[in-house]
Amino acid sequence: MSRVSVIFKIYPNEGALEEATKRIKDALKPVAIQAEEVAFGIKVIKARFVFNNEETNSSAIEDQIRKIEGVSEIEVEEESLM
């Protein structure tokens, strides 16, 4: 059984950064979450999750994030075994 660390870069809808961050934090309990500016006032949410690969996978977590109100786009920034 391997542990996996994955960092998602989440693009919130315009004006929904704080609310989307709170909803992700409350619903999915990431290990770490923060807002990061990517260009000229555009901010993304970076959320890190750690899980056992036999219990879930990054696609399942990504699907859950996509369902959260205020999320526009999502991409996997980094995924690695621990």
PDB file of N, CA and C in Angstrom:
ATOM      1  N   MET A   1       0.857  -1.180   0.000  1.00  0.00           N
ATOM      2  CA  MET A   1       0.000   0.000   0.000  1.00  0.00           C
ATOM      3  C   MET A   1       0.903   1.243   0.000  1.00  0.00           C
ATOM      4  N   SER A   2       0.743   2.057  -1.019  1.00  0.00           N
ATOM      5  CA  SER A   2       1.548   3.267  -1.166  1.00  0.00           C
ATOM      6  C   SER A   2       0.749   4.498  -0.786  1.00  0.00           C
ATOM      7  N   ARG A   3       1.468   5.488  -0.297  1.00  0.00           N
ATOM      8  CA  ARG A   3       0.841   6.778  -0.033  1.00  0.00           C
ATOM      9  C   ARG A   3       1.194   7.697  -1.190  1.00  0.00           C
ATOM     10  N   VAL A   4       0.239   8.508  -1.571  1.00  0.00           N
ATOM     11  CA  VAL A   4       0.393   9.415  -2.698  1.00  0.00           C
ATOM     12  C   VAL A   4       0.174  10.842  -2.217  1.00  0.00           C
ATOM     13  N   SER A   5       0.979  11.745  -2.740  1.00  0.00           N
ATOM     14  CA  SER A   5       0.796  13.175  -2.496  1.00  0.00           C
ATOM     15  C   SER A   5       0.448  13.814  -3.831  1.00  0.00           C
ATOM     16  N   VAL A   6      -0.597  14.607  -3.851  1.00  0.00           N
ATOM     17  CA  VAL A   6      -0.992  15.298  -5.076  1.00  0.00           C
ATOM     18  C   VAL A   6      -1.322  16.752  -4.757  1.00  0.00           C
ATOM     19  N   ILE A   7      -0.848  17.637  -5.616  1.00  0.00           N
ATOM     20  CA  ILE A   7      -1.143  19.063  -5.483  1.00  0.00           C
ATOM     21  C   ILE A   7      -1.992  19.463  -6.681  1.00  0.00           C
ATOM     22  N   PHE A   8      -3.157  20.011  -6.398  1.00  0.00           N
ATOM     23  CA  PHE A   8      -4.055  20.497  -7.438  1.00  0.00           C
ATOM     24  C   PHE A   8      -3.946  22.010  -7.534  1.00  0.00           C
ATOM     25  N   LYS A   9      -3.957  22.508  -8.751  1.00  0.00           N
ATOM     26  CA  LYS A   9      -4.050  23.942  -9.000  1.00  0.00           C
ATOM     27  C   LYS A   9      -5.495  24.178  -9.417  1.00  0.00           C
ATOM     28  N   ILE A  10      -6.223  24.933  -8.604  1.00  0.00           N
ATOM     29  CA  ILE A  10      -7.662  25.131  -8.785  1.00  0.00           C
ATOM     30  C   ILE A  10      -7.931  26.585  -9.127  1.00  0.00           C
ATOM     31  N   TYR A  11      -8.590  26.790 -10.255  1.00  0.00           N
ATOM     32  CA  TYR A  11      -8.935  28.139 -10.706  1.00  0.00           C
ATOM     33  C   TYR A  11     -10.370  28.439 -10.271  1.00  0.00           C
ATOM     34  N   PRO A  12     -10.559  29.401  -9.379  1.00  0.00           N
ATOM     35  CA  PRO A  12     -11.912  29.742  -8.945  1.00  0.00           C
ATOM     36  C   PRO A  12     -12.603  30.656  -9.953  1.00  0.00           C
ATOM     37  N   ASN A  13     -13.923  30.667  -9.897  1.00  0.00           N
ATOM     38  CA  ASN A  13     -14.680  31.644 -10.680  1.00  0.00           C
ATOM     39  C   ASN A  13     -14.310  33.037 -10.190  1.00  0.00           C
ATOM     40  N   GLU A  14     -14.510  34.023 -11.021  1.00  0.00           N
ATOM     41  CA  GLU A  14     -14.173  35.395 -10.658  1.00  0.00           C
ATOM     42  C   GLU A  14     -14.916  35.804  -9.383  1.00  0.00           C
ATOM     43  N   GLY A  15     -14.167  36.299  -8.423  1.00  0.00           N
ATOM     44  CA  GLY A  15     -14.740  36.763  -7.158  1.00  0.00           C
ATOM     45  C   GLY A  15     -15.072  35.666  -6.172  1.00  0.00           C
ATOM     46  N   ALA A  16     -14.705  34.419  -6.471  1.00  0.00           N
ATOM     47  CA  ALA A  16     -15.088  33.299  -5.606  1.00  0.00           C
ATOM     48  C   ALA A  16     -13.895  32.654  -4.900  1.00  0.00           C
ATOM     49  N   LEU A  17     -12.760  33.325  -4.865  1.00  0.00           N
ATOM     50  CA  LEU A  17     -11.549  32.734  -4.288  1.00  0.00           C
ATOM     51  C   LEU A  17     -11.742  32.308  -2.837  1.00  0.00           C
ATOM     52  N   GLU A  18     -12.166  33.218  -1.993  1.00  0.00           N
ATOM     53  CA  GLU A  18     -12.291  32.911  -0.562  1.00  0.00           C
ATOM     54  C   GLU A  18     -13.361  31.862  -0.294  1.00  0.00           C
ATOM     55  N   GLU A  19     -14.493  31.987  -0.945  1.00  0.00           N
ATOM     56  CA  GLU A  19     -15.590  31.034  -0.723  1.00  0.00           C
ATOM     57  C   GLU A  19     -15.220  29.645  -1.236  1.00  0.00           C
ATOM     58  N   ALA A  20     -14.587  29.562  -2.403  1.00  0.00           N
ATOM     59  CA  ALA A  20     -14.173  28.264  -2.942  1.00  0.00           C
ATOM     60  C   ALA A  20     -13.119  27.623  -2.040  1.00  0.00           C
ATOM     61  N   THR A  21     -12.184  28.430  -1.541  1.00  0.00           N
ATOM     62  CA  THR A  21     -11.162  27.916  -0.626  1.00  0.00           C
ATOM     63  C   THR A  21     -11.805  27.335   0.623  1.00  0.00           C
ATOM     64  N   LYS A  22     -12.746  28.046   1.190  1.00  0.00           N
ATOM     65  CA  LYS A  22     -13.430  27.571   2.401  1.00  0.00           C
ATOM     66  C   LYS A  22     -14.201  26.280   2.123  1.00  0.00           C
ATOM     67  N   ARG A  23     -14.900  26.214   1.005  1.00  0.00           N
ATOM     68  CA  ARG A  23     -15.673  25.012   0.680  1.00  0.00           C
ATOM     69  C   ARG A  23     -14.772  23.797   0.466  1.00  0.00           C
ATOM     70  N   ILE A  24     -13.643  23.998  -0.204  1.00  0.00           N
ATOM     71  CA  ILE A  24     -12.700  22.891  -0.405  1.00  0.00           C
ATOM     72  C   ILE A  24     -12.146  22.429   0.931  1.00  0.00           C
ATOM     73  N   LYS A  25     -11.748  23.382   1.767  1.00  0.00           N
ATOM     74  CA  LYS A  25     -11.194  23.061   3.082  1.00  0.00           C
ATOM     75  C   LYS A  25     -12.203  22.298   3.935  1.00  0.00           C
ATOM     76  N   ASP A  26     -13.444  22.759   3.963  1.00  0.00           N
ATOM     77  CA  ASP A  26     -14.471  22.122   4.789  1.00  0.00           C
ATOM     78  C   ASP A  26     -14.885  20.753   4.265  1.00  0.00           C
ATOM     79  N   ALA A  27     -15.024  20.622   2.950  1.00  0.00           N
ATOM     80  CA  ALA A  27     -15.545  19.386   2.370  1.00  0.00           C
ATOM     81  C   ALA A  27     -14.498  18.290   2.234  1.00  0.00           C
ATOM     82  N   LEU A  28     -13.261  18.649   1.897  1.00  0.00           N
ATOM     83  CA  LEU A  28     -12.282  17.632   1.529  1.00  0.00           C
ATOM     84  C   LEU A  28     -11.077  17.529   2.457  1.00  0.00           C
ATOM     85  N   LYS A  29     -10.916  18.471   3.358  1.00  0.00           N
ATOM     86  CA  LYS A  29      -9.842  18.437   4.361  1.00  0.00           C
ATOM     87  C   LYS A  29      -8.456  18.203   3.751  1.00  0.00           C
ATOM     88  N   PRO A  30      -7.985  19.104   2.882  1.00  0.00           N
ATOM     89  CA  PRO A  30      -6.640  18.938   2.332  1.00  0.00           C
ATOM     90  C   PRO A  30      -5.572  19.092   3.412  1.00  0.00           C
ATOM     91  N   VAL A  31      -4.405  18.523   3.171  1.00  0.00           N
ATOM     92  CA  VAL A  31      -3.281  18.642   4.096  1.00  0.00           C
ATOM     93  C   VAL A  31      -2.823  20.099   4.161  1.00  0.00           C
ATOM     94  N   ALA A  32      -2.831  20.769   3.007  1.00  0.00           N
ATOM     95  CA  ALA A  32      -2.455  22.181   2.936  1.00  0.00           C
ATOM     96  C   ALA A  32      -3.269  22.847   1.837  1.00  0.00           C
ATOM     97  N   ILE A  33      -3.590  24.116   2.041  1.00  0.00           N
ATOM     98  CA  ILE A  33      -4.325  24.872   1.029  1.00  0.00           C
ATOM     99  C   ILE A  33      -3.918  26.336   1.145  1.00  0.00           C
ATOM    100  N   GLN A  34      -3.708  26.966  -0.015  1.00  0.00           N
ATOM    101  CA  GLN A  34      -3.324  28.377  -0.015  1.00  0.00           C
ATOM    102  C   GLN A  34      -3.668  29.000  -1.362  1.00  0.00           C
ATOM    103  N   ALA A  35      -3.811  30.306  -1.349  1.00  0.00           N
ATOM    104  CA  ALA A  35      -4.019  31.061  -2.585  1.00  0.00           C
ATOM    105  C   ALA A  35      -2.655  31.525  -3.074  1.00  0.00           C
ATOM    106  N   GLU A  36      -2.489  31.519  -4.392  1.00  0.00           N
ATOM    107  CA  GLU A  36      -1.227  31.942  -4.978  1.00  0.00           C
ATOM    108  C   GLU A  36      -1.497  32.787  -6.213  1.00  0.00           C
ATOM    109  N   GLU A  37      -0.826  33.921  -6.290  1.00  0.00           N
ATOM    110  CA  GLU A  37      -1.004  34.786  -7.451  1.00  0.00           C
ATOM    111  C   GLU A  37      -0.186  34.233  -8.614  1.00  0.00           C
ATOM    112  N   VAL A  38      -0.829  34.113  -9.782  1.00  0.00           N
ATOM    113  CA  VAL A  38      -0.136  33.583 -10.953  1.00  0.00           C
ATOM    114  C   VAL A  38       0.189  34.674 -11.963  1.00  0.00           C
ATOM    115  N   ALA A  39      -0.611  35.724 -12.020  1.00  0.00           N
ATOM    116  CA  ALA A  39      -0.314  36.818 -12.947  1.00  0.00           C
ATOM    117  C   ALA A  39      -1.279  37.969 -12.732  1.00  0.00           C
ATOM    118  N   PHE A  40      -0.750  39.176 -12.582  1.00  0.00           N
ATOM    119  CA  PHE A  40      -1.526  40.410 -12.598  1.00  0.00           C
ATOM    120  C   PHE A  40      -2.879  40.310 -11.884  1.00  0.00           C
ATOM    121  N   GLY A  41      -2.856  39.888 -10.634  1.00  0.00           N
ATOM    122  CA  GLY A  41      -4.073  39.824  -9.845  1.00  0.00           C
ATOM    123  C   GLY A  41      -4.874  38.544 -10.001  1.00  0.00           C
ATOM    124  N   ILE A  42      -4.461  37.643 -10.879  1.00  0.00           N
ATOM    125  CA  ILE A  42      -5.150  36.360 -11.036  1.00  0.00           C
ATOM    126  C   ILE A  42      -4.593  35.405  -9.993  1.00  0.00           C
ATOM    127  N   LYS A  43      -5.484  34.854  -9.194  1.00  0.00           N
ATOM    128  CA  LYS A  43      -5.065  33.943  -8.140  1.00  0.00           C
ATOM    129  C   LYS A  43      -5.672  32.562  -8.352  1.00  0.00           C
ATOM    130  N   VAL A  44      -4.911  31.551  -7.933  1.00  0.00           N
ATOM    131  CA  VAL A  44      -5.375  30.171  -7.959  1.00  0.00           C
ATOM    132  C   VAL A  44      -5.297  29.623  -6.541  1.00  0.00           C
ATOM    133  N   ILE A  45      -5.969  28.531  -6.339  1.00  0.00           N
ATOM    134  CA  ILE A  45      -5.921  27.825  -5.064  1.00  0.00           C
ATOM    135  C   ILE A  45      -5.042  26.601  -5.272  1.00  0.00           C
ATOM    136  N   LYS A  46      -4.074  26.421  -4.405  1.00  0.00           N
ATOM    137  CA  LYS A  46      -3.267  25.207  -4.451  1.00  0.00           C
ATOM    138  C   LYS A  46      -3.635  24.377  -3.229  1.00  0.00           C
ATOM    139  N   ALA A  47      -4.060  23.149  -3.483  1.00  0.00           N
ATOM    140  CA  ALA A  47      -4.473  22.254  -2.406  1.00  0.00           C
ATOM    141  C   ALA A  47      -3.687  20.955  -2.508  1.00  0.00           C
ATOM    142  N   ARG A  48      -3.123  20.526  -1.382  1.00  0.00           N
ATOM    143  CA  ARG A  48      -2.334  19.280  -1.337  1.00  0.00           C
ATOM    144  C   ARG A  48      -3.111  18.232  -0.553  1.00  0.00           C
ATOM    145  N   PHE A  49      -3.180  17.045  -1.130  1.00  0.00           N
ATOM    146  CA  PHE A  49      -3.847  15.915  -0.501  1.00  0.00           C
ATOM    147  C   PHE A  49      -2.863  14.757  -0.410  1.00  0.00           C
ATOM    148  N   VAL A  50      -2.947  13.986   0.659  1.00  0.00           N
ATOM    149  CA  VAL A  50      -2.155  12.781   0.845  1.00  0.00           C
ATOM    150  C   VAL A  50      -3.136  11.654   1.146  1.00  0.00           C
ATOM    151  N   PHE A  51      -2.975  10.537   0.442  1.00  0.00           N
ATOM    152  CA  PHE A  51      -3.918   9.431   0.601  1.00  0.00           C
ATOM    153  C   PHE A  51      -3.247   8.108   0.255  1.00  0.00           C
ATOM    154  N   ASN A  52      -3.880   7.008   0.682  1.00  0.00           N
ATOM    155  CA  ASN A  52      -3.438   5.670   0.309  1.00  0.00           C
ATOM    156  C   ASN A  52      -4.017   5.357  -1.058  1.00  0.00           C
ATOM    157  N   ASN A  53      -3.170   4.872  -1.960  1.00  0.00           N
ATOM    158  CA  ASN A  53      -3.648   4.655  -3.318  1.00  0.00           C
ATOM    159  C   ASN A  53      -4.628   3.493  -3.433  1.00  0.00           C
ATOM    160  N   GLU A  54      -4.744   2.659  -2.423  1.00  0.00           N
ATOM    161  CA  GLU A  54      -5.722   1.571  -2.459  1.00  0.00           C
ATOM    162  C   GLU A  54      -7.105   2.028  -1.998  1.00  0.00           C
ATOM    163  N   GLU A  55      -7.171   3.172  -1.327  1.00  0.00           N
ATOM    164  CA  GLU A  55      -8.437   3.684  -0.811  1.00  0.00           C
ATOM    165  C   GLU A  55      -9.096   4.671  -1.767  1.00  0.00           C
ATOM    166  N   THR A  56      -8.310   5.448  -2.483  1.00  0.00           N
ATOM    167  CA  THR A  56      -8.832   6.441  -3.420  1.00  0.00           C
ATOM    168  C   THR A  56      -7.761   6.737  -4.455  1.00  0.00           C
ATOM    169  N   ASN A  57      -8.044   7.691  -5.334  1.00  0.00           N
ATOM    170  CA  ASN A  57      -7.047   8.107  -6.320  1.00  0.00           C
ATOM    171  C   ASN A  57      -7.245   9.583  -6.632  1.00  0.00           C
ATOM    172  N   SER A  58      -6.294  10.158  -7.350  1.00  0.00           N
ATOM    173  CA  SER A  58      -6.359  11.593  -7.617  1.00  0.00           C
ATOM    174  C   SER A  58      -7.547  11.965  -8.495  1.00  0.00           C
ATOM    175  N   SER A  59      -7.968  11.074  -9.377  1.00  0.00           N
ATOM    176  CA  SER A  59      -9.130  11.361 -10.224  1.00  0.00           C
ATOM    177  C   SER A  59     -10.406  11.494  -9.398  1.00  0.00           C
ATOM    178  N   ALA A  60     -10.545  10.664  -8.378  1.00  0.00           N
ATOM    179  CA  ALA A  60     -11.729  10.742  -7.518  1.00  0.00           C
ATOM    180  C   ALA A  60     -11.744  12.057  -6.743  1.00  0.00           C
ATOM    181  N   ILE A  61     -10.588  12.480  -6.253  1.00  0.00           N
ATOM    182  CA  ILE A  61     -10.510  13.749  -5.531  1.00  0.00           C
ATOM    183  C   ILE A  61     -10.783  14.908  -6.492  1.00  0.00           C
ATOM    184  N   GLU A  62     -10.223  14.833  -7.688  1.00  0.00           N
ATOM    185  CA  GLU A  62     -10.458  15.873  -8.691  1.00  0.00           C
ATOM    186  C   GLU A  62     -11.948  15.997  -9.011  1.00  0.00           C
ATOM    187  N   ASP A  63     -12.630  14.877  -9.137  1.00  0.00           N
ATOM    188  CA  ASP A  63     -14.079  14.903  -9.396  1.00  0.00           C
ATOM    189  C   ASP A  63     -14.837  15.592  -8.268  1.00  0.00           C
ATOM    190  N   GLN A  64     -14.418  15.340  -7.026  1.00  0.00           N
ATOM    191  CA  GLN A  64     -15.071  15.979  -5.883  1.00  0.00           C
ATOM    192  C   GLN A  64     -14.831  17.484  -5.888  1.00  0.00           C
ATOM    193  N   ILE A  65     -13.621  17.897  -6.237  1.00  0.00           N
ATOM    194  CA  ILE A  65     -13.305  19.329  -6.289  1.00  0.00           C
ATOM    195  C   ILE A  65     -14.135  20.014  -7.371  1.00  0.00           C
ATOM    196  N   ARG A  66     -14.273  19.377  -8.524  1.00  0.00           N
ATOM    197  CA  ARG A  66     -15.038  19.957  -9.643  1.00  0.00           C
ATOM    198  C   ARG A  66     -16.498  20.240  -9.254  1.00  0.00           C
ATOM    199  N   LYS A  67     -17.032  19.463  -8.315  1.00  0.00           N
ATOM    200  CA  LYS A  67     -18.423  19.618  -7.897  1.00  0.00           C
ATOM    201  C   LYS A  67     -18.625  20.788  -6.933  1.00  0.00           C
ATOM    202  N   ILE A  68     -17.554  21.350  -6.432  1.00  0.00           N
ATOM    203  CA  ILE A  68     -17.656  22.430  -5.453  1.00  0.00           C
ATOM    204  C   ILE A  68     -18.003  23.728  -6.167  1.00  0.00           C
ATOM    205  N   GLU A  69     -18.999  24.410  -5.634  1.00  0.00           N
ATOM    206  CA  GLU A  69     -19.437  25.689  -6.200  1.00  0.00           C
ATOM    207  C   GLU A  69     -18.306  26.706  -6.135  1.00  0.00           C
ATOM    208  N   GLY A  70     -18.099  27.407  -7.235  1.00  0.00           N
ATOM    209  CA  GLY A  70     -17.060  28.426  -7.296  1.00  0.00           C
ATOM    210  C   GLY A  70     -15.787  27.961  -7.980  1.00  0.00           C
ATOM    211  N   VAL A  71     -15.702  26.673  -8.326  1.00  0.00           N
ATOM    212  CA  VAL A  71     -14.526  26.135  -9.009  1.00  0.00           C
ATOM    213  C   VAL A  71     -14.757  26.185 -10.510  1.00  0.00           C
ATOM    214  N   SER A  72     -13.807  26.781 -11.222  1.00  0.00           N
ATOM    215  CA  SER A  72     -13.910  26.915 -12.669  1.00  0.00           C
ATOM    216  C   SER A  72     -13.103  25.839 -13.391  1.00  0.00           C
ATOM    217  N   GLU A  73     -11.815  25.769 -13.109  1.00  0.00           N
ATOM    218  CA  GLU A  73     -10.898  24.828 -13.757  1.00  0.00           C
ATOM    219  C   GLU A  73     -10.038  24.171 -12.685  1.00  0.00           C
ATOM    220  N   ILE A  74      -9.473  23.014 -13.034  1.00  0.00           N
ATOM    221  CA  ILE A  74      -8.584  22.313 -12.108  1.00  0.00           C
ATOM    222  C   ILE A  74      -7.553  21.541 -12.912  1.00  0.00           C
ATOM    223  N   GLU A  75      -6.343  21.485 -12.368  1.00  0.00           N
ATOM    224  CA  GLU A  75      -5.310  20.669 -12.992  1.00  0.00           C
ATOM    225  C   GLU A  75      -4.409  20.096 -11.908  1.00  0.00           C
ATOM    226  N   VAL A  76      -3.812  18.952 -12.207  1.00  0.00           N
ATOM    227  CA  VAL A  76      -2.848  18.345 -11.290  1.00  0.00           C
ATOM    228  C   VAL A  76      -1.515  19.026 -11.537  1.00  0.00           C
ATOM    229  N   GLU A  77      -0.983  19.643 -10.501  1.00  0.00           N
ATOM    230  CA  GLU A  77       0.316  20.308 -10.635  1.00  0.00           C
ATOM    231  C   GLU A  77       1.453  19.338 -10.362  1.00  0.00           C
ATOM    232  N   GLU A  78       1.256  18.471  -9.382  1.00  0.00           N
ATOM    233  CA  GLU A  78       2.312  17.544  -8.998  1.00  0.00           C
ATOM    234  C   GLU A  78       1.680  16.314  -8.350  1.00  0.00           C
ATOM    235  N   GLU A  79       2.204  15.139  -8.683  1.00  0.00           N
ATOM    236  CA  GLU A  79       1.733  13.909  -8.061  1.00  0.00           C
ATOM    237  C   GLU A  79       2.934  13.015  -7.850  1.00  0.00           C
ATOM    238  N   SER A  80       3.077  12.477  -6.631  1.00  0.00           N
ATOM    239  CA  SER A  80       4.242  11.625  -6.347  1.00  0.00           C
ATOM    240  C   SER A  80       3.928  10.616  -5.266  1.00  0.00           C
ATOM    241  N   LEU A  81       4.692   9.537  -5.274  1.00  0.00           N
ATOM    242  CA  LEU A  81       4.599   8.536  -4.218  1.00  0.00           C
ATOM    243  C   LEU A  81       5.409   9.017  -3.028  1.00  0.00           C
ATOM    244  N   MET A  82       4.963   8.650  -1.849  1.00  0.00           N
ATOM    245  CA  MET A  82       5.690   9.052  -0.641  1.00  0.00           C
ATOM    246  C   MET A  82       6.369   7.839  -0.034  1.00  0.00           C
TER     247      MET A  82
END
